[in-house]
Amino acid sequence: MGFVLLCAVLLFSCEKSAEPPEVTVMPVYQDDMEIVRIAEDARNTLPVFFRYLTRTGAGASAGKDCYVKYPFLADENSGVDKEQIWLTGIQFSNGQYFGVLANAPRHLSGMKRGDRVIFDMDTITDWMYVRDGKITGGESIKYLLEKTPENQRNDRERELLRMLF
């Protein structure tokens, strides 16, 4: 059995809000081969994400509907190896990628929702963008929600699945 990763699943509202979307946190085993495949596919299809990201232009609202999932090393005594956090507000400056934590970390001391962080685009595990109420990308969300039995999904999770198809 591999290390447990905590994976946040974004739960969107179709309403415009200054607040990042809500999240559900789900445990994922590091040796889940489908999660590994999704991460590899996300990195291989980054040009699709970048085409959309660069079309959003520059400025304060650039990339507000664009997200990448990034694995941070969890706190030493947290009981998990990594915590995957969705980042938004993706920017590239001085040879580095920056993003804003879209959800509150559970096992990353000193970090909070809304913090700006530097990350390595080569190790992201998923990406997505939202346009006209539909999600492009977000394969890990789809996979994790499809693993949840229908009778255990809440209304926001059902809505998120509708946005993925």
C-alpha atoms as a PDB file:
ATOM      1  CA  MET A   1       0.000   0.000   0.000  1.00  0.00           C
ATOM      2  CA  GLY A   2       1.389   3.394  -0.947  1.00  0.00           C
ATOM      3  CA  PHE A   3       1.382   6.654   0.917  1.00  0.00           C
ATOM      4  CA  VAL A   4      -1.921   8.409   1.283  1.00  0.00           C
ATOM      5  CA  LEU A   5      -2.305  11.658  -0.573  1.00  0.00           C
ATOM      6  CA  LEU A   6      -5.006  14.093   0.386  1.00  0.00           C
ATOM      7  CA  CYS A   7      -6.640  15.324  -2.746  1.00  0.00           C
ATOM      8  CA  ALA A   8      -8.963  18.308  -2.727  1.00  0.00           C
ATOM      9  CA  VAL A   9     -11.858  18.248  -5.155  1.00  0.00           C
ATOM     10  CA  LEU A  10     -13.107  21.699  -6.092  1.00  0.00           C
ATOM     11  CA  LEU A  11     -16.817  22.245  -5.823  1.00  0.00           C
ATOM     12  CA  PHE A  12     -17.889  25.093  -8.069  1.00  0.00           C
ATOM     13  CA  SER A  13     -20.845  27.344  -7.944  1.00  0.00           C
ATOM     14  CA  CYS A  14     -22.165  28.735 -11.200  1.00  0.00           C
ATOM     15  CA  GLU A  15     -22.489  32.090  -9.465  1.00  0.00           C
ATOM     16  CA  LYS A  16     -19.605  34.548  -9.717  1.00  0.00           C
ATOM     17  CA  SER A  17     -17.940  35.064  -6.365  1.00  0.00           C
ATOM     18  CA  ALA A  18     -14.767  36.601  -4.998  1.00  0.00           C
ATOM     19  CA  GLU A  19     -14.314  33.468  -2.897  1.00  0.00           C
ATOM     20  CA  PRO A  20     -12.591  30.407  -4.341  1.00  0.00           C
ATOM     21  CA  PRO A  21     -14.832  27.365  -4.808  1.00  0.00           C
ATOM     22  CA  GLU A  22     -15.584  24.970  -1.973  1.00  0.00           C
ATOM     23  CA  VAL A  23     -13.613  21.764  -1.730  1.00  0.00           C
ATOM     24  CA  THR A  24     -14.076  18.211  -0.585  1.00  0.00           C
ATOM     25  CA  VAL A  25     -10.944  16.419   0.606  1.00  0.00           C
ATOM     26  CA  MET A  26     -10.556  12.783  -0.389  1.00  0.00           C
ATOM     27  CA  PRO A  27      -7.781  10.338   0.535  1.00  0.00           C
ATOM     28  CA  VAL A  28      -5.997   8.843  -2.470  1.00  0.00           C
ATOM     29  CA  TYR A  29      -3.347   6.133  -2.390  1.00  0.00           C
ATOM     30  CA  GLN A  30      -0.095   7.003  -4.117  1.00  0.00           C
ATOM     31  CA  ASP A  31      -0.084   3.642  -5.892  1.00  0.00           C
ATOM     32  CA  ASP A  32      -3.521   4.228  -7.476  1.00  0.00           C
ATOM     33  CA  MET A  33      -2.430   3.681 -11.076  1.00  0.00           C
ATOM     34  CA  GLU A  34      -5.336   5.686 -12.508  1.00  0.00           C
ATOM     35  CA  ILE A  35      -4.280   8.743 -10.471  1.00  0.00           C
ATOM     36  CA  VAL A  36      -0.719   8.220 -11.734  1.00  0.00           C
ATOM     37  CA  ARG A  37      -1.996   8.016 -15.336  1.00  0.00           C
ATOM     38  CA  ILE A  38      -4.133  11.152 -14.889  1.00  0.00           C
ATOM     39  CA  ALA A  39      -1.114  13.078 -13.563  1.00  0.00           C
ATOM     40  CA  GLU A  40       1.065  11.991 -16.501  1.00  0.00           C
ATOM     41  CA  ASP A  41      -1.690  12.896 -18.953  1.00  0.00           C
ATOM     42  CA  ALA A  42      -2.114  16.312 -17.307  1.00  0.00           C
ATOM     43  CA  ARG A  43       1.571  17.080 -17.792  1.00  0.00           C
ATOM     44  CA  ASN A  44       1.484  15.805 -21.380  1.00  0.00           C
ATOM     45  CA  THR A  45      -1.508  17.988 -22.279  1.00  0.00           C
ATOM     46  CA  LEU A  46      -0.301  21.224 -20.669  1.00  0.00           C
ATOM     47  CA  PRO A  47      -0.230  23.001 -24.079  1.00  0.00           C
ATOM     48  CA  VAL A  48      -4.054  22.853 -24.096  1.00  0.00           C
ATOM     49  CA  PHE A  49      -4.148  24.493 -20.668  1.00  0.00           C
ATOM     50  CA  PHE A  50      -1.558  27.126 -21.641  1.00  0.00           C
ATOM     51  CA  ARG A  51      -3.472  28.071 -24.810  1.00  0.00           C
ATOM     52  CA  TYR A  52      -6.514  28.893 -22.703  1.00  0.00           C
ATOM     53  CA  LEU A  53      -4.500  30.553 -19.920  1.00  0.00           C
ATOM     54  CA  THR A  54      -2.703  32.876 -22.328  1.00  0.00           C
ATOM     55  CA  ARG A  55      -5.995  33.824 -24.009  1.00  0.00           C
ATOM     56  CA  THR A  56      -7.272  35.203 -20.696  1.00  0.00           C
ATOM     57  CA  GLY A  57      -4.676  37.994 -20.948  1.00  0.00           C
ATOM     58  CA  ALA A  58      -2.857  39.865 -18.225  1.00  0.00           C
ATOM     59  CA  GLY A  59      -4.156  41.836 -15.285  1.00  0.00           C
ATOM     60  CA  ALA A  60      -5.788  41.155 -11.936  1.00  0.00           C
ATOM     61  CA  SER A  61      -8.396  38.741 -13.298  1.00  0.00           C
ATOM     62  CA  ALA A  62      -6.011  36.769 -15.539  1.00  0.00           C
ATOM     63  CA  GLY A  63      -6.415  33.041 -15.068  1.00  0.00           C
ATOM     64  CA  LYS A  64      -9.113  33.310 -12.384  1.00  0.00           C
ATOM     65  CA  ASP A  65     -10.938  30.386 -13.958  1.00  0.00           C
ATOM     66  CA  CYS A  66      -7.757  28.335 -14.495  1.00  0.00           C
ATOM     67  CA  TYR A  67      -6.434  25.815 -11.968  1.00  0.00           C
ATOM     68  CA  VAL A  68      -3.558  23.384 -11.559  1.00  0.00           C
ATOM     69  CA  LYS A  69      -3.322  20.717  -8.862  1.00  0.00           C
ATOM     70  CA  TYR A  70       0.052  20.613  -7.161  1.00  0.00           C
ATOM     71  CA  PRO A  71       1.415  18.059  -4.644  1.00  0.00           C
ATOM     72  CA  PHE A  72       2.973  19.691  -1.588  1.00  0.00           C
ATOM     73  CA  LEU A  73       4.961  17.663   0.946  1.00  0.00           C
ATOM     74  CA  ALA A  74       2.757  17.358   4.019  1.00  0.00           C
ATOM     75  CA  ASP A  75       3.846  18.135   7.561  1.00  0.00           C
ATOM     76  CA  GLU A  76       6.160  15.477   8.970  1.00  0.00           C
ATOM     77  CA  ASN A  77       3.788  14.051  11.602  1.00  0.00           C
ATOM     78  CA  SER A  78       0.546  14.542   9.677  1.00  0.00           C
ATOM     79  CA  GLY A  79       0.037  10.898   8.757  1.00  0.00           C
ATOM     80  CA  VAL A  80       0.068  11.660   5.012  1.00  0.00           C
ATOM     81  CA  ASP A  81       2.938  11.985   2.555  1.00  0.00           C
ATOM     82  CA  LYS A  82       1.581  14.742   0.329  1.00  0.00           C
ATOM     83  CA  GLU A  83      -1.367  17.066   0.115  1.00  0.00           C
ATOM     84  CA  GLN A  84      -2.568  18.065  -3.312  1.00  0.00           C
ATOM     85  CA  ILE A  85      -3.872  21.612  -3.501  1.00  0.00           C
ATOM     86  CA  TRP A  86      -5.587  23.377  -6.378  1.00  0.00           C
ATOM     87  CA  LEU A  87      -3.862  26.632  -7.348  1.00  0.00           C
ATOM     88  CA  THR A  88      -5.487  29.461  -9.279  1.00  0.00           C
ATOM     89  CA  GLY A  89      -4.277  32.843 -10.538  1.00  0.00           C
ATOM     90  CA  ILE A  90      -1.470  31.086 -12.406  1.00  0.00           C
ATOM     91  CA  GLN A  91       1.309  33.422 -13.508  1.00  0.00           C
ATOM     92  CA  PHE A  92       4.827  33.083 -14.892  1.00  0.00           C
ATOM     93  CA  SER A  93       7.420  35.670 -13.892  1.00  0.00           C
ATOM     94  CA  ASN A  94      11.215  35.724 -13.723  1.00  0.00           C
ATOM     95  CA  GLY A  95      11.440  32.058 -14.726  1.00  0.00           C
ATOM     96  CA  GLN A  96       9.036  30.828 -12.023  1.00  0.00           C
ATOM     97  CA  TYR A  97       5.386  29.814 -11.830  1.00  0.00           C
ATOM     98  CA  PHE A  98       3.182  31.345  -9.159  1.00  0.00           C
ATOM     99  CA  GLY A  99      -0.295  30.411  -8.015  1.00  0.00           C
ATOM    100  CA  VAL A 100      -2.738  31.122  -5.210  1.00  0.00           C
ATOM    101  CA  LEU A 101      -3.985  28.341  -2.900  1.00  0.00           C
ATOM    102  CA  ALA A 102      -7.630  27.811  -3.842  1.00  0.00           C
ATOM    103  CA  ASN A 103      -8.416  25.793  -0.725  1.00  0.00           C
ATOM    104  CA  ALA A 104      -7.290  25.620   2.895  1.00  0.00           C
ATOM    105  CA  PRO A 105      -4.510  23.079   3.446  1.00  0.00           C
ATOM    106  CA  ARG A 106      -5.012  20.570   6.237  1.00  0.00           C
ATOM    107  CA  HIS A 107      -1.439  19.321   6.606  1.00  0.00           C
ATOM    108  CA  LEU A 108       0.754  22.217   5.482  1.00  0.00           C
ATOM    109  CA  SER A 109       1.768  24.307   8.487  1.00  0.00           C
ATOM    110  CA  GLY A 110       2.099  27.984   7.848  1.00  0.00           C
ATOM    111  CA  MET A 111       0.074  27.915   4.641  1.00  0.00           C
ATOM    112  CA  LYS A 112      -3.501  29.098   4.194  1.00  0.00           C
ATOM    113  CA  ARG A 113      -6.090  29.567   1.492  1.00  0.00           C
ATOM    114  CA  GLY A 114      -5.252  32.631  -0.580  1.00  0.00           C
ATOM    115  CA  ASP A 115      -1.467  32.376  -0.087  1.00  0.00           C
ATOM    116  CA  ARG A 116       0.657  32.961  -3.175  1.00  0.00           C
ATOM    117  CA  VAL A 117       3.173  30.165  -3.763  1.00  0.00           C
ATOM    118  CA  ILE A 118       5.901  29.219  -6.213  1.00  0.00           C
ATOM    119  CA  PHE A 119       5.452  25.809  -7.822  1.00  0.00           C
ATOM    120  CA  ASP A 120       7.016  23.532 -10.437  1.00  0.00           C
ATOM    121  CA  MET A 121       4.735  23.105 -13.453  1.00  0.00           C
ATOM    122  CA  ASP A 122       6.566  19.853 -14.326  1.00  0.00           C
ATOM    123  CA  THR A 123       5.126  18.114 -11.262  1.00  0.00           C
ATOM    124  CA  ILE A 124       1.463  19.204 -11.415  1.00  0.00           C
ATOM    125  CA  THR A 125      -1.011  16.339 -11.171  1.00  0.00           C
ATOM    126  CA  ASP A 126      -4.021  17.881 -12.958  1.00  0.00           C
ATOM    127  CA  TRP A 127      -5.203  21.058 -14.609  1.00  0.00           C
ATOM    128  CA  MET A 128      -8.539  22.517 -15.596  1.00  0.00           C
ATOM    129  CA  TYR A 129     -10.327  25.646 -16.641  1.00  0.00           C
ATOM    130  CA  VAL A 130     -13.948  26.664 -16.452  1.00  0.00           C
ATOM    131  CA  ARG A 131     -15.618  28.335 -19.433  1.00  0.00           C
ATOM    132  CA  ASP A 132     -19.332  28.912 -19.861  1.00  0.00           C
ATOM    133  CA  GLY A 133     -20.122  26.695 -16.885  1.00  0.00           C
ATOM    134  CA  LYS A 134     -18.196  23.702 -18.269  1.00  0.00           C
ATOM    135  CA  ILE A 135     -14.944  22.243 -17.029  1.00  0.00           C
ATOM    136  CA  THR A 136     -12.173  21.294 -19.436  1.00  0.00           C
ATOM    137  CA  GLY A 137      -9.573  19.015 -17.859  1.00  0.00           C
ATOM    138  CA  GLY A 138     -10.119  18.129 -14.212  1.00  0.00           C
ATOM    139  CA  GLU A 139      -9.733  14.417 -14.877  1.00  0.00           C
ATOM    140  CA  SER A 140      -8.801  13.675 -11.252  1.00  0.00           C
ATOM    141  CA  ILE A 141     -12.035  15.293 -10.067  1.00  0.00           C
ATOM    142  CA  LYS A 142     -14.048  13.195 -12.481  1.00  0.00           C
ATOM    143  CA  TYR A 143     -12.265  10.009 -11.430  1.00  0.00           C
ATOM    144  CA  LEU A 144     -12.577  10.630  -7.689  1.00  0.00           C
ATOM    145  CA  LEU A 145     -16.236  11.637  -7.872  1.00  0.00           C
ATOM    146  CA  GLU A 146     -17.109   8.655 -10.071  1.00  0.00           C
ATOM    147  CA  LYS A 147     -15.596   6.415  -7.362  1.00  0.00           C
ATOM    148  CA  THR A 148     -18.073   7.897  -4.877  1.00  0.00           C
ATOM    149  CA  PRO A 149     -21.361   5.960  -4.968  1.00  0.00           C
ATOM    150  CA  GLU A 150     -24.255   8.044  -6.329  1.00  0.00           C
ATOM    151  CA  ASN A 151     -26.212   7.744  -3.088  1.00  0.00           C
ATOM    152  CA  GLN A 152     -23.242   9.233  -1.166  1.00  0.00           C
ATOM    153  CA  ARG A 153     -22.741  12.284  -3.426  1.00  0.00           C
ATOM    154  CA  ASN A 154     -24.018  15.635  -2.269  1.00  0.00           C
ATOM    155  CA  ASP A 155     -25.799  18.106  -4.563  1.00  0.00           C
ATOM    156  CA  ARG A 156     -22.645  20.129  -5.223  1.00  0.00           C
ATOM    157  CA  GLU A 157     -20.730  16.981  -6.234  1.00  0.00           C
ATOM    158  CA  ARG A 158     -23.548  16.023  -8.629  1.00  0.00           C
ATOM    159  CA  GLU A 159     -23.449  19.524 -10.140  1.00  0.00           C
ATOM    160  CA  LEU A 160     -19.689  19.296 -10.535  1.00  0.00           C
ATOM    161  CA  LEU A 161     -20.054  16.009 -12.437  1.00  0.00           C
ATOM    162  CA  ARG A 162     -22.588  17.684 -14.753  1.00  0.00           C
ATOM    163  CA  MET A 163     -20.039  20.445 -15.430  1.00  0.00           C
ATOM    164  CA  LEU A 164     -17.486  17.806 -16.443  1.00  0.00           C
ATOM    165  CA  PHE A 165     -19.657  16.261 -19.176  1.00  0.00           C
END
